[in-house]
Amino acid sequence: MNDSEKHMYCTNKFIELANQLKEEEIDINLVNGALMTASSIYATYVAAGNSGALEPSGVEKVVGIYRKTLEHHQKIKKTQAQPATES
């Protein structure tokens, strides 16, 4: 499995878990907030280690990566939502 396939696998596992939580009748806004919290905790761990914390510049870096990822996904969603035009 290459890195792109591993990335998609991990992404799908997180979505699967989120959907399981939703099926347990946990509000999707709470599920989303918990995923964001978990992501921020893990991003801090990746950048600063288990006992470190991010400086403001590190927070901005993580926010920038999140923004880039969100914008990329929105482009994909918009492309998928457009009806195919016939040539």
N, C-alpha and C. Protein backbone atom coordinates (compact mmCIF):
# COMPACT_ATOMS: atom_id res chain seq x y z
N MET A 1 0.85 -1.17 0.00
CA MET A 1 0.00 0.00 0.00
C MET A 1 0.90 1.24 0.00
N ASN A 2 0.67 2.16 -0.95
CA ASN A 2 1.47 3.38 -0.98
C ASN A 2 0.91 4.41 0.01
N ASP A 3 1.60 5.54 0.16
CA ASP A 3 1.19 6.54 1.14
C ASP A 3 -0.20 7.09 0.87
N SER A 4 -0.55 7.29 -0.39
CA SER A 4 -1.87 7.80 -0.74
C SER A 4 -2.96 6.81 -0.32
N GLU A 5 -2.70 5.55 -0.56
CA GLU A 5 -3.67 4.51 -0.17
C GLU A 5 -3.77 4.40 1.35
N LYS A 6 -2.64 4.52 2.04
CA LYS A 6 -2.66 4.50 3.51
C LYS A 6 -3.43 5.69 4.06
N HIS A 7 -3.23 6.85 3.43
CA HIS A 7 -3.95 8.06 3.85
C HIS A 7 -5.45 7.86 3.71
N MET A 8 -5.89 7.32 2.58
CA MET A 8 -7.32 7.09 2.35
C MET A 8 -7.85 6.04 3.32
N TYR A 9 -7.06 5.02 3.59
CA TYR A 9 -7.46 3.98 4.55
C TYR A 9 -7.70 4.60 5.93
N CYS A 10 -6.74 5.41 6.39
CA CYS A 10 -6.88 6.05 7.70
C CYS A 10 -8.08 7.00 7.72
N THR A 11 -8.23 7.79 6.67
CA THR A 11 -9.36 8.70 6.57
C THR A 11 -10.68 7.94 6.70
N ASN A 12 -10.80 6.86 5.96
CA ASN A 12 -12.03 6.06 6.00
C ASN A 12 -12.27 5.44 7.36
N LYS A 13 -11.21 5.07 8.08
CA LYS A 13 -11.37 4.51 9.43
C LYS A 13 -11.92 5.57 10.38
N PHE A 14 -11.43 6.81 10.26
CA PHE A 14 -11.95 7.89 11.11
C PHE A 14 -13.42 8.17 10.79
N ILE A 15 -13.78 8.16 9.52
CA ILE A 15 -15.17 8.38 9.13
C ILE A 15 -16.05 7.24 9.64
N GLU A 16 -15.54 6.02 9.54
CA GLU A 16 -16.27 4.85 10.04
C GLU A 16 -16.54 4.99 11.54
N LEU A 17 -15.53 5.41 12.29
CA LEU A 17 -15.71 5.60 13.73
C LEU A 17 -16.72 6.71 14.01
N ALA A 18 -16.62 7.83 13.26
CA ALA A 18 -17.57 8.93 13.44
C ALA A 18 -19.00 8.46 13.18
N ASN A 19 -19.17 7.65 12.13
CA ASN A 19 -20.51 7.14 11.83
C ASN A 19 -21.00 6.18 12.90
N GLN A 20 -20.10 5.41 13.49
CA GLN A 20 -20.50 4.53 14.60
C GLN A 20 -20.99 5.35 15.78
N LEU A 21 -20.29 6.43 16.08
CA LEU A 21 -20.70 7.30 17.18
C LEU A 21 -22.05 7.94 16.88
N LYS A 22 -22.26 8.35 15.63
CA LYS A 22 -23.56 8.91 15.23
C LYS A 22 -24.66 7.88 15.43
N GLU A 23 -24.38 6.62 15.08
CA GLU A 23 -25.37 5.55 15.26
C GLU A 23 -25.68 5.30 16.73
N GLU A 24 -24.77 5.72 17.62
CA GLU A 24 -25.02 5.63 19.06
C GLU A 24 -25.83 6.84 19.54
N GLU A 25 -26.36 7.58 18.57
CA GLU A 25 -27.20 8.74 18.82
C GLU A 25 -26.45 9.88 19.50
N ILE A 26 -25.17 10.00 19.18
CA ILE A 26 -24.40 11.15 19.63
C ILE A 26 -24.51 12.20 18.53
N ASP A 27 -24.86 13.40 18.92
CA ASP A 27 -25.06 14.50 17.97
C ASP A 27 -23.83 14.65 17.07
N ILE A 28 -24.07 14.82 15.77
CA ILE A 28 -22.96 14.92 14.81
C ILE A 28 -22.06 16.12 15.09
N ASN A 29 -22.61 17.17 15.68
CA ASN A 29 -21.78 18.32 16.04
C ASN A 29 -20.80 17.97 17.15
N LEU A 30 -21.24 17.13 18.09
CA LEU A 30 -20.34 16.66 19.15
C LEU A 30 -19.28 15.73 18.58
N VAL A 31 -19.70 14.85 17.67
CA VAL A 31 -18.74 13.94 17.02
C VAL A 31 -17.70 14.75 16.27
N ASN A 32 -18.14 15.74 15.51
CA ASN A 32 -17.22 16.59 14.76
C ASN A 32 -16.26 17.31 15.70
N GLY A 33 -16.78 17.87 16.78
CA GLY A 33 -15.94 18.57 17.75
C GLY A 33 -14.91 17.64 18.37
N ALA A 34 -15.32 16.42 18.68
CA ALA A 34 -14.40 15.45 19.27
C ALA A 34 -13.31 15.06 18.28
N LEU A 35 -13.68 14.90 17.01
CA LEU A 35 -12.67 14.59 15.99
C LEU A 35 -11.68 15.74 15.85
N MET A 36 -12.18 16.96 15.89
CA MET A 36 -11.30 18.12 15.78
C MET A 36 -10.37 18.21 17.00
N THR A 37 -10.90 17.92 18.18
CA THR A 37 -10.08 17.93 19.39
C THR A 37 -9.00 16.86 19.31
N ALA A 38 -9.40 15.66 18.90
CA ALA A 38 -8.44 14.57 18.76
C ALA A 38 -7.36 14.93 17.74
N SER A 39 -7.78 15.54 16.64
CA SER A 39 -6.82 15.96 15.61
C SER A 39 -5.85 17.00 16.16
N SER A 40 -6.35 17.95 16.94
CA SER A 40 -5.46 18.98 17.48
C SER A 40 -4.49 18.38 18.50
N ILE A 41 -4.96 17.44 19.29
CA ILE A 41 -4.07 16.77 20.25
C ILE A 41 -2.98 16.00 19.51
N TYR A 42 -3.38 15.29 18.45
CA TYR A 42 -2.42 14.49 17.71
C TYR A 42 -1.46 15.38 16.92
N ALA A 43 -1.95 16.48 16.35
CA ALA A 43 -1.09 17.41 15.63
C ALA A 43 -0.05 18.00 16.57
N THR A 44 -0.45 18.31 17.80
CA THR A 44 0.50 18.82 18.79
C THR A 44 1.55 17.76 19.11
N TYR A 45 1.11 16.53 19.27
CA TYR A 45 2.02 15.42 19.55
C TYR A 45 3.03 15.25 18.41
N VAL A 46 2.55 15.29 17.17
CA VAL A 46 3.44 15.12 16.01
C VAL A 46 4.47 16.24 15.97
N ALA A 47 4.04 17.47 16.23
CA ALA A 47 4.93 18.62 16.12
C ALA A 47 5.83 18.81 17.33
N ALA A 48 5.33 18.51 18.52
CA ALA A 48 6.05 18.89 19.74
C ALA A 48 6.34 17.73 20.69
N GLY A 49 5.92 16.54 20.32
CA GLY A 49 6.15 15.41 21.21
C GLY A 49 5.06 15.30 22.26
N ASN A 50 5.19 14.28 23.07
CA ASN A 50 4.15 13.95 24.05
C ASN A 50 4.03 14.97 25.16
N SER A 51 5.12 15.64 25.51
CA SER A 51 5.06 16.58 26.62
C SER A 51 5.21 18.03 26.18
N GLY A 52 5.27 18.26 24.88
CA GLY A 52 5.45 19.61 24.37
C GLY A 52 4.13 20.30 24.05
N ALA A 53 4.25 21.56 23.70
CA ALA A 53 3.10 22.36 23.30
C ALA A 53 3.53 23.25 22.13
N LEU A 54 2.57 23.68 21.36
CA LEU A 54 2.86 24.52 20.20
C LEU A 54 2.96 25.99 20.59
N GLU A 55 3.92 26.66 20.01
CA GLU A 55 3.99 28.11 20.11
C GLU A 55 2.96 28.68 19.13
N PRO A 56 2.63 29.96 19.21
CA PRO A 56 1.66 30.53 18.27
C PRO A 56 2.00 30.26 16.80
N SER A 57 3.29 30.28 16.46
CA SER A 57 3.66 30.00 15.06
C SER A 57 3.33 28.56 14.68
N GLY A 58 3.46 27.65 15.62
CA GLY A 58 3.11 26.25 15.37
C GLY A 58 1.62 26.07 15.20
N VAL A 59 0.84 26.80 16.01
CA VAL A 59 -0.61 26.76 15.87
C VAL A 59 -1.00 27.26 14.48
N GLU A 60 -0.39 28.36 14.05
CA GLU A 60 -0.69 28.91 12.72
C GLU A 60 -0.33 27.91 11.62
N LYS A 61 0.77 27.19 11.79
CA LYS A 61 1.17 26.19 10.81
C LYS A 61 0.13 25.08 10.71
N VAL A 62 -0.34 24.58 11.86
CA VAL A 62 -1.36 23.53 11.86
C VAL A 62 -2.66 24.05 11.26
N VAL A 63 -3.05 25.26 11.61
CA VAL A 63 -4.26 25.87 11.05
C VAL A 63 -4.13 25.99 9.53
N GLY A 64 -2.97 26.39 9.05
CA GLY A 64 -2.75 26.51 7.61
C GLY A 64 -2.87 25.17 6.90
N ILE A 65 -2.32 24.13 7.49
CA ILE A 65 -2.43 22.79 6.90
C ILE A 65 -3.89 22.34 6.89
N TYR A 66 -4.60 22.60 7.98
CA TYR A 66 -6.02 22.22 8.05
C TYR A 66 -6.81 22.98 6.98
N ARG A 67 -6.54 24.29 6.83
CA ARG A 67 -7.23 25.10 5.83
C ARG A 67 -6.96 24.55 4.43
N LYS A 68 -5.71 24.25 4.13
CA LYS A 68 -5.34 23.72 2.81
C LYS A 68 -6.07 22.40 2.54
N THR A 69 -6.13 21.54 3.54
CA THR A 69 -6.81 20.25 3.39
C THR A 69 -8.31 20.46 3.18
N LEU A 70 -8.91 21.35 3.95
CA LEU A 70 -10.34 21.64 3.82
C LEU A 70 -10.66 22.23 2.46
N GLU A 71 -9.85 23.19 2.01
CA GLU A 71 -10.06 23.79 0.69
C GLU A 71 -9.92 22.76 -0.42
N HIS A 72 -8.94 21.87 -0.31
CA HIS A 72 -8.74 20.81 -1.30
C HIS A 72 -9.97 19.90 -1.36
N HIS A 73 -10.47 19.52 -0.20
CA HIS A 73 -11.65 18.63 -0.16
C HIS A 73 -12.88 19.33 -0.74
N GLN A 74 -13.01 20.63 -0.49
CA GLN A 74 -14.16 21.36 -1.03
C GLN A 74 -14.12 21.44 -2.55
N LYS A 75 -12.92 21.60 -3.12
CA LYS A 75 -12.79 21.57 -4.58
C LYS A 75 -13.25 20.24 -5.14
N ILE A 76 -12.85 19.16 -4.48
CA ILE A 76 -13.27 17.83 -4.92
C ILE A 76 -14.78 17.69 -4.83
N LYS A 77 -15.37 18.11 -3.72
CA LYS A 77 -16.82 18.01 -3.53
C LYS A 77 -17.57 18.81 -4.59
N LYS A 78 -17.10 20.01 -4.90
CA LYS A 78 -17.75 20.86 -5.91
C LYS A 78 -17.65 20.23 -7.29
N THR A 79 -16.50 19.65 -7.59
CA THR A 79 -16.33 18.98 -8.87
C THR A 79 -17.27 17.79 -8.99
N GLN A 80 -17.40 17.03 -7.92
CA GLN A 80 -18.29 15.86 -7.92
C GLN A 80 -19.75 16.27 -8.03
N ALA A 81 -20.08 17.44 -7.51
CA ALA A 81 -21.47 17.90 -7.51
C ALA A 81 -21.91 18.46 -8.86
N GLN A 82 -20.94 18.84 -9.69
CA GLN A 82 -21.28 19.40 -11.00
C GLN A 82 -21.72 18.28 -11.94
N PRO A 83 -22.82 18.50 -12.66
CA PRO A 83 -23.23 17.47 -13.62
C PRO A 83 -22.22 17.35 -14.74
N ALA A 84 -22.01 16.13 -15.18
CA ALA A 84 -21.07 15.91 -16.28
C ALA A 84 -21.64 16.52 -17.55
N THR A 85 -20.81 17.24 -18.27
CA THR A 85 -21.26 17.83 -19.54
C THR A 85 -20.89 16.90 -20.67
N GLU A 86 -21.80 16.80 -21.63
CA GLU A 86 -21.55 15.92 -22.76
C GLU A 86 -20.75 16.68 -23.80
N SER A 87 -19.83 15.98 -24.44
CA SER A 87 -19.00 16.61 -25.47
C SER A 87 -19.65 16.52 -26.81
